[in-house]
C-alpha atoms as a PDB file:
ATOM      1  CA  UNK A   1     -11.055 -22.679 -39.611  1.00  0.00           C
ATOM      2  CA  UNK A   2     -13.016 -20.219 -37.355  1.00  0.00           C
ATOM      3  CA  UNK A   3     -10.424 -17.660 -35.289  1.00  0.00           C
ATOM      4  CA  UNK A   4     -11.110 -16.213 -31.808  1.00  0.00           C
ATOM      5  CA  UNK A   5      -8.675 -13.134 -31.109  1.00  0.00           C
ATOM      6  CA  UNK A   6      -8.274 -12.642 -27.889  1.00  0.00           C
ATOM      7  CA  UNK A   7      -6.697  -9.638 -27.242  1.00  0.00           C
ATOM      8  CA  UNK A   8      -3.405 -10.054 -24.634  1.00  0.00           C
ATOM      9  CA  UNK A   9      -2.729  -6.367 -24.873  1.00  0.00           C
ATOM     10  CA  UNK A  10      -2.509  -5.866 -20.768  1.00  0.00           C
ATOM     11  CA  UNK A  11       0.569  -9.155 -20.663  1.00  0.00           C
ATOM     12  CA  UNK A  12       2.551  -6.239 -21.671  1.00  0.00           C
ATOM     13  CA  UNK A  13       1.529  -3.185 -19.288  1.00  0.00           C
ATOM     14  CA  UNK A  14       4.022  -2.055 -17.172  1.00  0.00           C
ATOM     15  CA  UNK A  15       1.468  -2.962 -14.405  1.00  0.00           C
ATOM     16  CA  UNK A  16      -0.237  -6.292 -15.517  1.00  0.00           C
ATOM     17  CA  UNK A  17      -2.404  -6.238 -11.936  1.00  0.00           C
ATOM     18  CA  UNK A  18      -5.401  -8.505 -11.849  1.00  0.00           C
ATOM     19  CA  UNK A  19      -6.861  -8.007 -14.890  1.00  0.00           C
ATOM     20  CA  UNK A  20      -2.991  -9.169 -15.655  1.00  0.00           C
ATOM     21  CA  UNK A  21      -4.185 -12.254 -14.339  1.00  0.00           C
ATOM     22  CA  UNK A  22      -7.586 -12.372 -15.722  1.00  0.00           C
ATOM     23  CA  UNK A  23      -6.103 -12.007 -19.165  1.00  0.00           C
ATOM     24  CA  UNK A  24      -3.718 -15.115 -18.482  1.00  0.00           C
ATOM     25  CA  UNK A  25      -5.796 -17.322 -17.043  1.00  0.00           C
ATOM     26  CA  UNK A  26      -9.301 -16.813 -19.147  1.00  0.00           C
ATOM     27  CA  UNK A  27      -7.020 -17.196 -22.466  1.00  0.00           C
ATOM     28  CA  UNK A  28      -5.359 -20.133 -21.821  1.00  0.00           C
ATOM     29  CA  UNK A  29      -8.812 -21.713 -20.853  1.00  0.00           C
ATOM     30  CA  UNK A  30     -10.418 -20.178 -23.464  1.00  0.00           C
ATOM     31  CA  UNK A  31      -7.977 -22.198 -25.922  1.00  0.00           C
ATOM     32  CA  UNK A  32      -8.602 -25.509 -23.974  1.00  0.00           C
ATOM     33  CA  UNK A  33     -12.604 -25.228 -23.918  1.00  0.00           C
ATOM     34  CA  UNK A  34     -12.555 -24.240 -27.384  1.00  0.00           C
ATOM     35  CA  UNK A  35     -15.436 -26.152 -29.862  1.00  0.00           C
ATOM     36  CA  UNK A  36     -14.118 -28.151 -32.336  1.00  0.00           C
ATOM     37  CA  UNK A  37     -13.013 -26.409 -35.602  1.00  0.00           C
ATOM     38  CA  UNK A  38     -11.806 -23.033 -33.151  1.00  0.00           C
ATOM     39  CA  UNK A  39      -8.600 -21.604 -32.610  1.00  0.00           C
ATOM     40  CA  UNK A  40      -7.859 -19.074 -30.483  1.00  0.00           C
ATOM     41  CA  UNK A  41      -5.137 -16.321 -31.262  1.00  0.00           C
ATOM     42  CA  UNK A  42      -3.370 -13.563 -28.944  1.00  0.00           C
ATOM     43  CA  UNK A  43      -2.954 -10.051 -30.694  1.00  0.00           C
ATOM     44  CA  UNK A  44      -0.989  -7.072 -29.324  1.00  0.00           C
ATOM     45  CA  UNK A  45       0.049  -4.068 -30.077  1.00  0.00           C
ATOM     46  CA  UNK A  46       3.508  -3.275 -31.811  1.00  0.00           C
ATOM     47  CA  UNK A  47       6.049  -4.002 -29.244  1.00  0.00           C
ATOM     48  CA  UNK A  48      10.036  -4.361 -28.434  1.00  0.00           C
ATOM     49  CA  UNK A  49       9.534  -7.188 -26.605  1.00  0.00           C
ATOM     50  CA  UNK A  50       6.218  -9.893 -26.709  1.00  0.00           C
ATOM     51  CA  UNK A  51       7.088 -12.413 -24.821  1.00  0.00           C
ATOM     52  CA  UNK A  52       5.091 -11.901 -21.828  1.00  0.00           C
ATOM     53  CA  UNK A  53       2.070 -12.374 -23.896  1.00  0.00           C
ATOM     54  CA  UNK A  54       2.759 -15.706 -24.418  1.00  0.00           C
ATOM     55  CA  UNK A  55       0.137 -18.128 -23.048  1.00  0.00           C
ATOM     56  CA  UNK A  56      -0.198 -21.521 -23.339  1.00  0.00           C
ATOM     57  CA  UNK A  57      -2.264 -23.096 -25.874  1.00  0.00           C
ATOM     58  CA  UNK A  58      -2.529 -19.898 -27.461  1.00  0.00           C
ATOM     59  CA  UNK A  59      -1.660 -19.445 -30.881  1.00  0.00           C
ATOM     60  CA  UNK A  60       1.245 -15.952 -31.432  1.00  0.00           C
ATOM     61  CA  UNK A  61       1.096 -13.442 -30.336  1.00  0.00           C
ATOM     62  CA  UNK A  62       0.184 -12.355 -33.390  1.00  0.00           C
ATOM     63  CA  UNK A  63       1.899  -8.163 -33.492  1.00  0.00           C
ATOM     64  CA  UNK A  64       0.108  -5.401 -35.049  1.00  0.00           C
ATOM     65  CA  UNK A  65       1.899  -3.078 -37.093  1.00  0.00           C
ATOM     66  CA  UNK A  66       0.101  -0.271 -34.764  1.00  0.00           C
ATOM     67  CA  UNK A  67       2.673   1.103 -31.467  1.00  0.00           C
ATOM     68  CA  UNK A  68       0.233   0.827 -28.536  1.00  0.00           C
ATOM     69  CA  UNK A  69      -0.840   4.786 -28.765  1.00  0.00           C
ATOM     70  CA  UNK A  70      -1.655   5.169 -32.193  1.00  0.00           C
ATOM     71  CA  UNK A  71      -3.866   1.844 -31.761  1.00  0.00           C
ATOM     72  CA  UNK A  72      -5.588   2.966 -28.677  1.00  0.00           C
ATOM     73  CA  UNK A  73      -5.779   7.053 -30.705  1.00  0.00           C
ATOM     74  CA  UNK A  74      -7.351   4.502 -33.800  1.00  0.00           C
ATOM     75  CA  UNK A  75     -10.227   3.109 -31.828  1.00  0.00           C
ATOM     76  CA  UNK A  76     -10.738   6.061 -29.713  1.00  0.00           C
ATOM     77  CA  UNK A  77     -11.404   7.726 -33.102  1.00  0.00           C
ATOM     78  CA  UNK A  78     -13.988   5.072 -34.383  1.00  0.00           C
ATOM     79  CA  UNK A  79     -11.477   4.023 -37.127  1.00  0.00           C
ATOM     80  CA  UNK A  80     -12.296   0.575 -37.617  1.00  0.00           C
ATOM     81  CA  UNK A  81      -9.066  -1.677 -37.496  1.00  0.00           C
ATOM     82  CA  UNK A  82      -9.567  -4.635 -37.146  1.00  0.00           C
ATOM     83  CA  UNK A  83      -7.348  -7.316 -35.252  1.00  0.00           C
ATOM     84  CA  UNK A  84      -8.068  -9.928 -37.678  1.00  0.00           C
ATOM     85  CA  UNK A  85     -10.225 -12.985 -36.655  1.00  0.00           C
ATOM     86  CA  UNK A  86     -14.374 -14.346 -36.757  1.00  0.00           C
ATOM     87  CA  UNK A  87     -14.801 -12.956 -33.120  1.00  0.00           C
ATOM     88  CA  UNK A  88     -12.626 -10.882 -30.266  1.00  0.00           C
ATOM     89  CA  UNK A  89     -12.044 -11.039 -26.337  1.00  0.00           C
ATOM     90  CA  UNK A  90     -10.878  -7.948 -25.263  1.00  0.00           C
ATOM     91  CA  UNK A  91      -9.654  -8.205 -21.464  1.00  0.00           C
ATOM     92  CA  UNK A  92      -9.806  -4.848 -20.787  1.00  0.00           C
ATOM     93  CA  UNK A  93     -12.337  -2.104 -22.229  1.00  0.00           C
ATOM     94  CA  UNK A  94      -9.289  -1.491 -24.768  1.00  0.00           C
ATOM     95  CA  UNK A  95     -11.006  -2.934 -27.639  1.00  0.00           C
ATOM     96  CA  UNK A  96     -12.195  -2.450 -31.754  1.00  0.00           C
ATOM     97  CA  UNK A  97     -14.081   0.460 -32.044  1.00  0.00           C
ATOM     98  CA  UNK A  98     -17.505  -2.213 -33.102  1.00  0.00           C
ATOM     99  CA  UNK A  99     -17.904  -5.488 -34.653  1.00  0.00           C
ATOM    100  CA  UNK A 100     -17.886  -8.885 -33.470  1.00  0.00           C
ATOM    101  CA  UNK A 101     -16.145  -7.968 -30.320  1.00  0.00           C
ATOM    102  CA  UNK A 102     -16.423  -9.166 -26.739  1.00  0.00           C
ATOM    103  CA  UNK A 103     -15.701  -6.967 -24.184  1.00  0.00           C
ATOM    104  CA  UNK A 104     -14.927  -7.482 -20.274  1.00  0.00           C
ATOM    105  CA  UNK A 105     -15.451  -4.870 -18.095  1.00  0.00           C
ATOM    106  CA  UNK A 106     -14.018  -5.606 -14.995  1.00  0.00           C
ATOM    107  CA  UNK A 107     -15.089  -2.508 -12.843  1.00  0.00           C
ATOM    108  CA  UNK A 108     -17.395   0.493 -13.036  1.00  0.00           C
ATOM    109  CA  UNK A 109     -14.312   2.404  -9.838  1.00  0.00           C
ATOM    110  CA  UNK A 110     -14.503   5.615 -13.066  1.00  0.00           C
ATOM    111  CA  UNK A 111     -18.071   6.015 -11.552  1.00  0.00           C
ATOM    112  CA  UNK A 112     -18.167   4.712  -8.600  1.00  0.00           C
ATOM    113  CA  UNK A 113     -14.825   6.397  -6.820  1.00  0.00           C
ATOM    114  CA  UNK A 114     -13.537   8.026  -9.507  1.00  0.00           C
ATOM    115  CA  UNK A 115     -10.780   9.700  -6.405  1.00  0.00           C
ATOM    116  CA  UNK A 116      -8.841   6.387  -6.748  1.00  0.00           C
ATOM    117  CA  UNK A 117      -8.142   7.099  -9.659  1.00  0.00           C
ATOM    118  CA  UNK A 118      -5.925   9.346 -11.615  1.00  0.00           C
ATOM    119  CA  UNK A 119      -8.131  11.871 -13.563  1.00  0.00           C
ATOM    120  CA  UNK A 120      -6.499  10.662 -16.732  1.00  0.00           C
ATOM    121  CA  UNK A 121      -7.689   7.144 -16.149  1.00  0.00           C
ATOM    122  CA  UNK A 122     -11.171   7.864 -15.198  1.00  0.00           C
ATOM    123  CA  UNK A 123     -11.806   9.835 -18.792  1.00  0.00           C
ATOM    124  CA  UNK A 124     -10.251   7.263 -20.606  1.00  0.00           C
ATOM    125  CA  UNK A 125     -12.310   4.087 -18.600  1.00  0.00           C
ATOM    126  CA  UNK A 126     -15.104   6.338 -18.618  1.00  0.00           C
ATOM    127  CA  UNK A 127     -14.785   6.859 -22.345  1.00  0.00           C
ATOM    128  CA  UNK A 128     -14.001   3.381 -24.154  1.00  0.00           C
ATOM    129  CA  UNK A 129     -16.178   1.680 -21.546  1.00  0.00           C
ATOM    130  CA  UNK A 130     -19.478   3.861 -22.676  1.00  0.00           C
ATOM    131  CA  UNK A 131     -18.263   3.374 -26.066  1.00  0.00           C
ATOM    132  CA  UNK A 132     -18.575  -0.624 -25.487  1.00  0.00           C
ATOM    133  CA  UNK A 133     -21.731  -0.401 -24.187  1.00  0.00           C
ATOM    134  CA  UNK A 134     -23.105   0.703 -26.850  1.00  0.00           C
ATOM    135  CA  UNK A 135     -21.327  -0.608 -29.752  1.00  0.00           C
ATOM    136  CA  UNK A 136     -19.858  -4.101 -28.560  1.00  0.00           C
ATOM    137  CA  UNK A 137     -21.265  -7.075 -29.441  1.00  0.00           C
ATOM    138  CA  UNK A 138     -21.643  -8.147 -25.777  1.00  0.00           C
ATOM    139  CA  UNK A 139     -20.320  -7.085 -22.707  1.00  0.00           C
ATOM    140  CA  UNK A 140     -18.664  -9.373 -19.646  1.00  0.00           C
ATOM    141  CA  UNK A 141     -18.602  -8.620 -16.314  1.00  0.00           C
ATOM    142  CA  UNK A 142     -17.628 -10.423 -12.974  1.00  0.00           C
ATOM    143  CA  UNK A 143     -20.410  -9.879 -10.952  1.00  0.00           C
ATOM    144  CA  UNK A 144     -23.831  -8.969 -10.581  1.00  0.00           C
ATOM    145  CA  UNK A 145     -22.777  -5.656  -8.876  1.00  0.00           C
ATOM    146  CA  UNK A 146     -20.882  -4.690 -11.578  1.00  0.00           C
ATOM    147  CA  UNK A 147     -23.561  -5.189 -14.039  1.00  0.00           C
ATOM    148  CA  UNK A 148     -26.177  -3.230 -11.853  1.00  0.00           C
ATOM    149  CA  UNK A 149     -24.071  -0.117 -11.879  1.00  0.00           C
ATOM    150  CA  UNK A 150     -23.137  -0.662 -15.355  1.00  0.00           C
ATOM    151  CA  UNK A 151     -26.529  -0.299 -16.192  1.00  0.00           C
ATOM    152  CA  UNK A 152     -26.919   2.707 -14.193  1.00  0.00           C
ATOM    153  CA  UNK A 153     -23.642   4.538 -15.180  1.00  0.00           C
ATOM    154  CA  UNK A 154     -23.342   3.361 -18.206  1.00  0.00           C
ATOM    155  CA  UNK A 155     -26.756   2.525 -19.601  1.00  0.00           C
ATOM    156  CA  UNK A 156     -25.851   0.816 -23.330  1.00  0.00           C
ATOM    157  CA  UNK A 157     -28.382  -1.393 -25.791  1.00  0.00           C
ATOM    158  CA  UNK A 158     -25.055  -4.132 -25.999  1.00  0.00           C
ATOM    159  CA  UNK A 159     -26.324  -7.369 -23.642  1.00  0.00           C
ATOM    160  CA  UNK A 160     -24.374  -8.045 -20.477  1.00  0.00           C
ATOM    161  CA  UNK A 161     -23.151 -11.129 -19.118  1.00  0.00           C
ATOM    162  CA  UNK A 162     -22.149 -11.693 -15.937  1.00  0.00           C
ATOM    163  CA  UNK A 163     -19.396 -14.602 -15.598  1.00  0.00           C
ATOM    164  CA  UNK A 164     -17.514 -15.072 -12.424  1.00  0.00           C
ATOM    165  CA  UNK A 165     -13.973 -15.337 -12.599  1.00  0.00           C
ATOM    166  CA  UNK A 166     -11.835 -18.447 -11.236  1.00  0.00           C
ATOM    167  CA  UNK A 167      -8.834 -19.677  -8.678  1.00  0.00           C
ATOM    168  CA  UNK A 168      -5.446 -20.428 -10.466  1.00  0.00           C
ATOM    169  CA  UNK A 169      -4.182 -23.671 -10.009  1.00  0.00           C
ATOM    170  CA  UNK A 170      -0.811 -22.895  -8.930  1.00  0.00           C
ATOM    171  CA  UNK A 171       2.387 -24.561  -9.385  1.00  0.00           C
ATOM    172  CA  UNK A 172       4.877 -26.463  -7.210  1.00  0.00           C
ATOM    173  CA  UNK A 173       5.821 -23.576  -4.521  1.00  0.00           C
ATOM    174  CA  UNK A 174       9.310 -22.007  -4.097  1.00  0.00           C
ATOM    175  CA  UNK A 175      10.051 -20.952  -0.848  1.00  0.00           C
ATOM    176  CA  UNK A 176      10.435 -17.268   0.089  1.00  0.00           C
ATOM    177  CA  UNK A 177      11.751 -15.073   3.182  1.00  0.00           C
ATOM    178  CA  UNK A 178       8.608 -14.539   5.337  1.00  0.00           C
ATOM    179  CA  UNK A 179       7.947 -14.640   8.836  1.00  0.00           C
ATOM    180  CA  UNK A 180       6.630 -17.590  10.887  1.00  0.00           C
ATOM    181  CA  UNK A 181       3.075 -15.766  11.204  1.00  0.00           C
ATOM    182  CA  UNK A 182       1.776 -12.591   9.297  1.00  0.00           C
ATOM    183  CA  UNK A 183      -1.615 -11.175   7.822  1.00  0.00           C
ATOM    184  CA  UNK A 184      -1.075 -11.489   4.199  1.00  0.00           C
ATOM    185  CA  UNK A 185      -2.293  -8.383   1.929  1.00  0.00           C
ATOM    186  CA  UNK A 186      -2.083  -9.039  -2.541  1.00  0.00           C
ATOM    187  CA  UNK A 187      -2.829  -6.351  -5.035  1.00  0.00           C
ATOM    188  CA  UNK A 188      -1.055  -3.367  -6.994  1.00  0.00           C
ATOM    189  CA  UNK A 189      -0.077  -0.723  -4.035  1.00  0.00           C
ATOM    190  CA  UNK A 190      -2.150   1.830  -4.595  1.00  0.00           C
ATOM    191  CA  UNK A 191      -5.471   4.043  -2.322  1.00  0.00           C
ATOM    192  CA  UNK A 192      -8.333   2.164  -3.602  1.00  0.00           C
ATOM    193  CA  UNK A 193      -6.426  -1.171  -2.211  1.00  0.00           C
ATOM    194  CA  UNK A 194      -6.172   0.531   1.114  1.00  0.00           C
ATOM    195  CA  UNK A 195      -3.333  -1.235   2.130  1.00  0.00           C
ATOM    196  CA  UNK A 196      -2.206   1.748   4.280  1.00  0.00           C
ATOM    197  CA  UNK A 197      -4.925   0.411   7.056  1.00  0.00           C
ATOM    198  CA  UNK A 198      -3.956  -2.420   7.083  1.00  0.00           C
ATOM    199  CA  UNK A 199      -0.538  -1.425   8.197  1.00  0.00           C
ATOM    200  CA  UNK A 200      -1.371   0.703  10.835  1.00  0.00           C
ATOM    201  CA  UNK A 201      -4.199  -2.000  12.074  1.00  0.00           C
ATOM    202  CA  UNK A 202      -0.980  -5.099  12.109  1.00  0.00           C
ATOM    203  CA  UNK A 203       1.203  -2.163  13.347  1.00  0.00           C
ATOM    204  CA  UNK A 204      -1.712  -1.952  16.514  1.00  0.00           C
ATOM    205  CA  UNK A 205      -2.033  -5.490  16.983  1.00  0.00           C
ATOM    206  CA  UNK A 206       2.143  -6.781  16.841  1.00  0.00           C
ATOM    207  CA  UNK A 207       1.670  -8.492  14.135  1.00  0.00           C
ATOM    208  CA  UNK A 208       3.781  -8.573  10.782  1.00  0.00           C
ATOM    209  CA  UNK A 209       2.195  -7.570   7.281  1.00  0.00           C
ATOM    210  CA  UNK A 210       3.313  -9.083   4.440  1.00  0.00           C
ATOM    211  CA  UNK A 211       2.721  -7.324   1.077  1.00  0.00           C
ATOM    212  CA  UNK A 212       2.581  -8.984  -2.629  1.00  0.00           C
ATOM    213  CA  UNK A 213       2.039  -6.806  -5.317  1.00  0.00           C
ATOM    214  CA  UNK A 214       3.757  -3.884  -7.289  1.00  0.00           C
ATOM    215  CA  UNK A 215       3.808   0.141  -6.178  1.00  0.00           C
ATOM    216  CA  UNK A 216       1.355   1.459  -8.253  1.00  0.00           C
ATOM    217  CA  UNK A 217       0.227   4.917  -8.727  1.00  0.00           C
ATOM    218  CA  UNK A 218      -1.019   7.097  -5.974  1.00  0.00           C
ATOM    219  CA  UNK A 219       2.137   7.825  -3.891  1.00  0.00           C
ATOM    220  CA  UNK A 220       1.545   4.755  -1.184  1.00  0.00           C
ATOM    221  CA  UNK A 221       4.312   4.155   1.193  1.00  0.00           C
ATOM    222  CA  UNK A 222       3.727   1.309   3.582  1.00  0.00           C
ATOM    223  CA  UNK A 223       7.030   1.397   4.779  1.00  0.00           C
ATOM    224  CA  UNK A 224       7.179   0.266   8.497  1.00  0.00           C
ATOM    225  CA  UNK A 225       9.619  -1.791  10.460  1.00  0.00           C
ATOM    226  CA  UNK A 226       6.533  -4.626  10.397  1.00  0.00           C
ATOM    227  CA  UNK A 227       5.688  -4.619   6.868  1.00  0.00           C
ATOM    228  CA  UNK A 228       7.232  -7.138   4.500  1.00  0.00           C
ATOM    229  CA  UNK A 229       7.375  -5.460   0.766  1.00  0.00           C
ATOM    230  CA  UNK A 230       7.593  -8.358  -1.356  1.00  0.00           C
ATOM    231  CA  UNK A 231       6.800  -6.833  -4.824  1.00  0.00           C
ATOM    232  CA  UNK A 232       5.667  -9.420  -7.347  1.00  0.00           C
ATOM    233  CA  UNK A 233       6.204 -12.739  -7.325  1.00  0.00           C
ATOM    234  CA  UNK A 234       5.983 -16.011  -9.399  1.00  0.00           C
ATOM    235  CA  UNK A 235       3.124 -18.172  -8.998  1.00  0.00           C
ATOM    236  CA  UNK A 236       5.399 -20.538  -7.198  1.00  0.00           C
ATOM    237  CA  UNK A 237       6.521 -17.939  -5.165  1.00  0.00           C
ATOM    238  CA  UNK A 238       2.485 -16.214  -4.043  1.00  0.00           C
ATOM    239  CA  UNK A 239       1.512 -19.586  -3.744  1.00  0.00           C
ATOM    240  CA  UNK A 240       4.121 -20.408  -0.846  1.00  0.00           C
ATOM    241  CA  UNK A 241       3.151 -17.082   0.962  1.00  0.00           C
ATOM    242  CA  UNK A 242      -0.584 -17.710   0.203  1.00  0.00           C
ATOM    243  CA  UNK A 243      -0.487 -20.966   2.034  1.00  0.00           C
ATOM    244  CA  UNK A 244       1.321 -20.080   4.675  1.00  0.00           C
ATOM    245  CA  UNK A 245      -0.914 -16.704   5.775  1.00  0.00           C
ATOM    246  CA  UNK A 246      -2.931 -16.717   9.324  1.00  0.00           C
ATOM    247  CA  UNK A 247      -5.135 -14.334   7.355  1.00  0.00           C
ATOM    248  CA  UNK A 248      -5.638 -12.463   4.317  1.00  0.00           C
ATOM    249  CA  UNK A 249      -6.812  -8.900   4.343  1.00  0.00           C
ATOM    250  CA  UNK A 250      -8.707  -7.465   1.433  1.00  0.00           C
ATOM    251  CA  UNK A 251      -9.820  -4.157   2.722  1.00  0.00           C
ATOM    252  CA  UNK A 252     -10.348  -2.593  -0.800  1.00  0.00           C
ATOM    253  CA  UNK A 253     -13.282   0.623  -1.519  1.00  0.00           C
ATOM    254  CA  UNK A 254     -14.248  -0.612  -4.752  1.00  0.00           C
ATOM    255  CA  UNK A 255     -13.226  -3.810  -6.463  1.00  0.00           C
ATOM    256  CA  UNK A 256     -15.078  -5.543  -9.310  1.00  0.00           C
ATOM    257  CA  UNK A 257     -14.368  -9.272  -8.222  1.00  0.00           C
ATOM    258  CA  UNK A 258     -11.611  -9.506  -5.892  1.00  0.00           C
ATOM    259  CA  UNK A 259      -9.613 -12.332  -7.160  1.00  0.00           C
ATOM    260  CA  UNK A 260      -7.101 -12.874  -4.004  1.00  0.00           C
ATOM    261  CA  UNK A 261     -10.234 -13.577  -2.278  1.00  0.00           C
ATOM    262  CA  UNK A 262     -11.243 -16.662  -3.507  1.00  0.00           C
ATOM    263  CA  UNK A 263      -7.439 -17.468  -3.801  1.00  0.00           C
ATOM    264  CA  UNK A 264      -7.131 -17.156  -0.095  1.00  0.00           C
ATOM    265  CA  UNK A 265     -10.098 -19.227   0.610  1.00  0.00           C
ATOM    266  CA  UNK A 266      -9.113 -21.946  -1.906  1.00  0.00           C
ATOM    267  CA  UNK A 267      -5.885 -22.317  -0.166  1.00  0.00           C
ATOM    268  CA  UNK A 268      -7.410 -22.635   3.281  1.00  0.00           C
ATOM    269  CA  UNK A 269      -6.595 -19.282   4.515  1.00  0.00           C
ATOM    270  CA  UNK A 270      -9.541 -17.080   6.201  1.00  0.00           C
ATOM    271  CA  UNK A 271     -10.652 -13.876   5.025  1.00  0.00           C
ATOM    272  CA  UNK A 272     -11.374 -10.202   6.523  1.00  0.00           C
ATOM    273  CA  UNK A 273     -12.588  -8.068   3.620  1.00  0.00           C
ATOM    274  CA  UNK A 274     -14.576  -4.945   3.163  1.00  0.00           C
ATOM    275  CA  UNK A 275     -17.981  -4.247   2.234  1.00  0.00           C
ATOM    276  CA  UNK A 276     -17.433  -3.330  -1.051  1.00  0.00           C
ATOM    277  CA  UNK A 277     -20.178  -4.782  -2.277  1.00  0.00           C
ATOM    278  CA  UNK A 278     -18.742  -6.793  -5.130  1.00  0.00           C
ATOM    279  CA  UNK A 279     -15.898  -8.462  -2.308  1.00  0.00           C
ATOM    280  CA  UNK A 280     -19.487  -8.903  -0.460  1.00  0.00           C
ATOM    281  CA  UNK A 281     -20.839 -10.930  -3.382  1.00  0.00           C
ATOM    282  CA  UNK A 282     -17.982 -12.813  -3.892  1.00  0.00           C
ATOM    283  CA  UNK A 283     -16.750 -14.177  -0.503  1.00  0.00           C
ATOM    284  CA  UNK A 284     -20.592 -15.290   0.056  1.00  0.00           C
ATOM    285  CA  UNK A 285     -20.821 -15.134   3.636  1.00  0.00           C
ATOM    286  CA  UNK A 286     -17.776 -17.068   3.912  1.00  0.00           C
ATOM    287  CA  UNK A 287     -15.697 -14.190   5.130  1.00  0.00           C
ATOM    288  CA  UNK A 288     -15.510 -11.378   7.514  1.00  0.00           C
ATOM    289  CA  UNK A 289     -16.562  -8.103   6.751  1.00  0.00           C
ATOM    290  CA  UNK A 290     -15.960  -4.949   8.266  1.00  0.00           C
ATOM    291  CA  UNK A 291     -16.404  -1.453   6.631  1.00  0.00           C
ATOM    292  CA  UNK A 292     -14.706   0.475   4.554  1.00  0.00           C
ATOM    293  CA  UNK A 293     -12.378   2.721   5.660  1.00  0.00           C
ATOM    294  CA  UNK A 294     -12.998   1.529   9.391  1.00  0.00           C
ATOM    295  CA  UNK A 295      -9.393   0.730  10.667  1.00  0.00           C
ATOM    296  CA  UNK A 296     -10.502  -0.508  14.109  1.00  0.00           C
ATOM    297  CA  UNK A 297     -13.527  -2.453  12.752  1.00  0.00           C
ATOM    298  CA  UNK A 298     -10.264  -3.950  10.441  1.00  0.00           C
ATOM    299  CA  UNK A 299      -8.499  -4.174  13.367  1.00  0.00           C
ATOM    300  CA  UNK A 300     -11.277  -5.714  15.834  1.00  0.00           C
ATOM    301  CA  UNK A 301     -11.814  -8.203  13.040  1.00  0.00           C
ATOM    302  CA  UNK A 302      -8.338  -9.651  12.309  1.00  0.00           C
ATOM    303  CA  UNK A 303      -7.779  -9.819  16.544  1.00  0.00           C
ATOM    304  CA  UNK A 304     -10.754 -12.414  16.386  1.00  0.00           C
ATOM    305  CA  UNK A 305      -9.894 -14.229  13.488  1.00  0.00           C
ATOM    306  CA  UNK A 306      -6.334 -14.137  14.837  1.00  0.00           C
ATOM    307  CA  UNK A 307      -6.913 -15.679  18.298  1.00  0.00           C
ATOM    308  CA  UNK A 308     -10.158 -17.432  17.985  1.00  0.00           C
ATOM    309  CA  UNK A 309      -9.058 -21.149  16.813  1.00  0.00           C
ATOM    310  CA  UNK A 310     -12.879 -22.037  16.507  1.00  0.00           C
ATOM    311  CA  UNK A 311     -13.967 -19.520  13.705  1.00  0.00           C
ATOM    312  CA  UNK A 312     -10.167 -20.532  12.135  1.00  0.00           C
ATOM    313  CA  UNK A 313     -11.142 -23.165  11.078  1.00  0.00           C
ATOM    314  CA  UNK A 314     -15.086 -22.476  10.563  1.00  0.00           C
ATOM    315  CA  UNK A 315     -13.767 -19.548   7.883  1.00  0.00           C
ATOM    316  CA  UNK A 316     -11.306 -22.509   6.229  1.00  0.00           C
ATOM    317  CA  UNK A 317     -14.191 -24.735   5.611  1.00  0.00           C
ATOM    318  CA  UNK A 318     -16.622 -21.835   4.552  1.00  0.00           C
ATOM    319  CA  UNK A 319     -14.025 -20.440   2.081  1.00  0.00           C
ATOM    320  CA  UNK A 320     -12.914 -23.941   0.443  1.00  0.00           C
ATOM    321  CA  UNK A 321     -16.298 -24.304  -0.356  1.00  0.00           C
ATOM    322  CA  UNK A 322     -17.177 -21.067  -1.527  1.00  0.00           C
ATOM    323  CA  UNK A 323     -14.061 -20.940  -4.132  1.00  0.00           C
ATOM    324  CA  UNK A 324     -15.117 -24.575  -5.433  1.00  0.00           C
ATOM    325  CA  UNK A 325     -18.041 -22.140  -7.442  1.00  0.00           C
ATOM    326  CA  UNK A 326     -15.147 -20.107  -9.013  1.00  0.00           C
ATOM    327  CA  UNK A 327     -13.204 -22.042 -12.134  1.00  0.00           C
ATOM    328  CA  UNK A 328     -11.410 -20.639 -15.126  1.00  0.00           C
ATOM    329  CA  UNK A 329     -12.599 -23.460 -17.180  1.00  0.00           C
ATOM    330  CA  UNK A 330     -16.700 -22.438 -16.028  1.00  0.00           C
ATOM    331  CA  UNK A 331     -15.349 -18.753 -17.022  1.00  0.00           C
ATOM    332  CA  UNK A 332     -14.550 -20.387 -20.172  1.00  0.00           C
ATOM    333  CA  UNK A 333     -17.174 -22.247 -21.257  1.00  0.00           C
ATOM    334  CA  UNK A 334     -19.513 -19.329 -20.334  1.00  0.00           C
ATOM    335  CA  UNK A 335     -17.526 -16.630 -21.916  1.00  0.00           C
ATOM    336  CA  UNK A 336     -17.378 -19.335 -25.218  1.00  0.00           C
ATOM    337  CA  UNK A 337     -21.022 -19.521 -25.473  1.00  0.00           C
ATOM    338  CA  UNK A 338     -21.294 -15.531 -25.453  1.00  0.00           C
ATOM    339  CA  UNK A 339     -19.596 -15.717 -28.503  1.00  0.00           C
ATOM    340  CA  UNK A 340     -20.771 -18.612 -29.937  1.00  0.00           C
ATOM    341  CA  UNK A 341     -23.906 -16.726 -29.711  1.00  0.00           C
ATOM    342  CA  UNK A 342     -23.297 -13.443 -31.975  1.00  0.00           C
ATOM    343  CA  UNK A 343     -23.697 -15.838 -34.724  1.00  0.00           C
ATOM    344  CA  UNK A 344     -26.822 -17.225 -34.452  1.00  0.00           C
END
């Protein structure tokens, strides 16, 4: 019986972030859409507790004998330590050095905006992504923007496939203490996300800002009387907070996709986003676009959405329609096509 191994290591990261969401949702969707006779098994490096890497419908996780650092070192040096299976999907560039492996590359930020990452992160990502485009079986990217940038900054012979992300089906809501009306920002708090601009803009407007996501690197300090830092939330809590937001702000300097944008649109929440090319591609004209780093433009756009009821309604309608294009089921079918194509 053929086996697809999925590397679910990102679920065990201290800050899983959006790639953690991608890992969990796509792994479950791949298991649900598996062709007849195929099994899907999760694999992680050696950890003291791997319970966070359990994914519904996915067998395992199977634990490799090497800890993460040793496994990274082995793969970086080209050691063909294979995690098993007939085909492998790496949901991040943390992947075997060669073989029948498909690697998801989420963005090209290490080249386009290196200052928004740590120097160590930039060096590592540039190295492993460059290796993947030279030696993997195939590459998956979430937008055509990332595909084009990858060909520019890390050209290689490996075929690149554009497969959009999906919208999570949230469970029943769990109540969270939030203001009656607020602007929402979702994501790891780090320089690339631009949340400091949202904090400043909402302070000017006199509107509360609710931020969902863990503190990341870079020392971004959002503490202010009008800012509500909720940290990580369960999906049930996130559903509650998301559906009650007046508007989602996504002012990122760079993204590969931008899951909160389509999740907000699916929930009927208007979106104001930056002109980062991937966000423009994903939103498809269903949101309000502002220049990156322009606090005044961001404040103006938020003010307009919050005060113009006709515009609010149009954005809700456009957003719901746009979000219908993104499902994890569609993503899984496309990824299976990529894997099965490696056998022909």
